[in-house]
Amino acid sequence: MNEELKTFTISVYTENNIGLLNRISAIFQRRHINIESLTTSQS
């Protein structure tokens, strides 16, 4: 079985809401997608 490794960069702009980062990461977890790096900042 030959698995192709794919890399993506995703940008998400949201309001500052409690629990939102948890909800976003849960979307990736349900699809078995690994988050290798996460950067947050105020805009």
N, C-alpha and C. Protein backbone atom coordinates (compact mmCIF):
# COMPACT_ATOMS: atom_id res chain seq x y z
N MET A 1 0.85 -1.17 0.00
CA MET A 1 0.00 0.00 0.00
C MET A 1 0.90 1.24 0.00
N ASN A 2 0.73 2.11 -0.99
CA ASN A 2 1.53 3.31 -1.11
C ASN A 2 0.68 4.52 -0.73
N GLU A 3 0.99 5.12 0.44
CA GLU A 3 0.23 6.28 0.91
C GLU A 3 0.94 7.56 0.49
N GLU A 4 0.19 8.46 -0.10
CA GLU A 4 0.75 9.74 -0.52
C GLU A 4 0.58 10.75 0.62
N LEU A 5 1.68 11.39 1.02
CA LEU A 5 1.64 12.39 2.09
C LEU A 5 1.24 13.73 1.50
N LYS A 6 0.19 14.33 2.05
CA LYS A 6 -0.27 15.64 1.59
C LYS A 6 -0.12 16.64 2.73
N THR A 7 0.34 17.84 2.39
CA THR A 7 0.50 18.90 3.36
C THR A 7 -0.36 20.09 2.95
N PHE A 8 -1.07 20.65 3.92
CA PHE A 8 -1.94 21.79 3.66
C PHE A 8 -1.66 22.89 4.67
N THR A 9 -1.87 24.12 4.26
CA THR A 9 -1.85 25.27 5.16
C THR A 9 -3.25 25.87 5.15
N ILE A 10 -3.83 25.99 6.33
CA ILE A 10 -5.20 26.48 6.45
C ILE A 10 -5.20 27.71 7.35
N SER A 11 -5.83 28.78 6.90
CA SER A 11 -5.99 30.00 7.69
C SER A 11 -7.46 30.15 8.06
N VAL A 12 -7.70 30.44 9.34
CA VAL A 12 -9.07 30.62 9.82
C VAL A 12 -9.12 31.93 10.60
N TYR A 13 -10.01 32.82 10.20
CA TYR A 13 -10.22 34.08 10.90
C TYR A 13 -11.56 34.00 11.61
N THR A 14 -11.55 34.17 12.95
CA THR A 14 -12.77 34.04 13.73
C THR A 14 -12.85 35.12 14.79
N GLU A 15 -13.98 35.22 15.42
CA GLU A 15 -14.14 36.06 16.60
C GLU A 15 -13.55 35.31 17.79
N ASN A 16 -13.25 36.03 18.84
CA ASN A 16 -12.68 35.43 20.05
C ASN A 16 -13.82 34.87 20.90
N ASN A 17 -14.11 33.58 20.73
CA ASN A 17 -15.18 32.92 21.47
C ASN A 17 -14.62 31.77 22.30
N ILE A 18 -15.17 31.61 23.49
CA ILE A 18 -14.73 30.53 24.37
C ILE A 18 -15.05 29.19 23.73
N GLY A 19 -14.05 28.29 23.68
CA GLY A 19 -14.25 26.94 23.18
C GLY A 19 -14.18 26.80 21.67
N LEU A 20 -13.98 27.89 20.95
CA LEU A 20 -13.98 27.82 19.49
C LEU A 20 -12.80 27.02 18.96
N LEU A 21 -11.61 27.23 19.53
CA LEU A 21 -10.44 26.47 19.08
C LEU A 21 -10.65 24.97 19.30
N ASN A 22 -11.28 24.61 20.40
CA ASN A 22 -11.59 23.20 20.66
C ASN A 22 -12.54 22.64 19.61
N ARG A 23 -13.54 23.41 19.22
CA ARG A 23 -14.49 22.95 18.20
C ARG A 23 -13.82 22.79 16.84
N ILE A 24 -12.92 23.71 16.51
CA ILE A 24 -12.22 23.61 15.23
C ILE A 24 -11.30 22.40 15.22
N SER A 25 -10.55 22.19 16.30
CA SER A 25 -9.64 21.03 16.34
C SER A 25 -10.41 19.72 16.34
N ALA A 26 -11.62 19.71 16.89
CA ALA A 26 -12.44 18.49 16.89
C ALA A 26 -12.84 18.10 15.47
N ILE A 27 -13.03 19.09 14.60
CA ILE A 27 -13.35 18.80 13.19
C ILE A 27 -12.22 17.99 12.56
N PHE A 28 -10.98 18.41 12.81
CA PHE A 28 -9.83 17.68 12.26
C PHE A 28 -9.69 16.30 12.91
N GLN A 29 -9.94 16.22 14.21
CA GLN A 29 -9.82 14.94 14.91
C GLN A 29 -10.81 13.92 14.37
N ARG A 30 -12.05 14.33 14.12
CA ARG A 30 -13.06 13.41 13.59
C ARG A 30 -12.65 12.84 12.24
N ARG A 31 -11.89 13.60 11.48
CA ARG A 31 -11.46 13.16 10.15
C ARG A 31 -10.06 12.55 10.17
N HIS A 32 -9.53 12.33 11.38
CA HIS A 32 -8.20 11.72 11.58
C HIS A 32 -7.11 12.51 10.86
N ILE A 33 -7.18 13.84 10.97
CA ILE A 33 -6.17 14.73 10.39
C ILE A 33 -5.30 15.26 11.52
N ASN A 34 -4.00 15.09 11.39
CA ASN A 34 -3.06 15.53 12.41
C ASN A 34 -2.74 17.01 12.24
N ILE A 35 -2.79 17.77 13.33
CA ILE A 35 -2.37 19.17 13.33
C ILE A 35 -0.94 19.20 13.83
N GLU A 36 -0.01 19.54 12.94
CA GLU A 36 1.40 19.54 13.31
C GLU A 36 1.85 20.85 13.93
N SER A 37 1.20 21.94 13.58
CA SER A 37 1.60 23.25 14.08
C SER A 37 0.37 24.14 14.16
N LEU A 38 0.36 25.01 15.17
CA LEU A 38 -0.77 25.91 15.37
C LEU A 38 -0.23 27.26 15.83
N THR A 39 -0.63 28.32 15.16
CA THR A 39 -0.21 29.67 15.53
C THR A 39 -1.46 30.52 15.71
N THR A 40 -1.54 31.23 16.83
CA THR A 40 -2.68 32.11 17.06
C THR A 40 -2.17 33.52 17.36
N SER A 41 -2.98 34.50 17.04
CA SER A 41 -2.63 35.89 17.34
C SER A 41 -3.88 36.75 17.26
N GLN A 42 -3.80 37.91 17.87
CA GLN A 42 -4.89 38.87 17.77
C GLN A 42 -4.74 39.62 16.46
N SER A 43 -5.86 40.03 15.91
CA SER A 43 -5.79 40.82 14.67
C SER A 43 -6.60 42.08 14.81
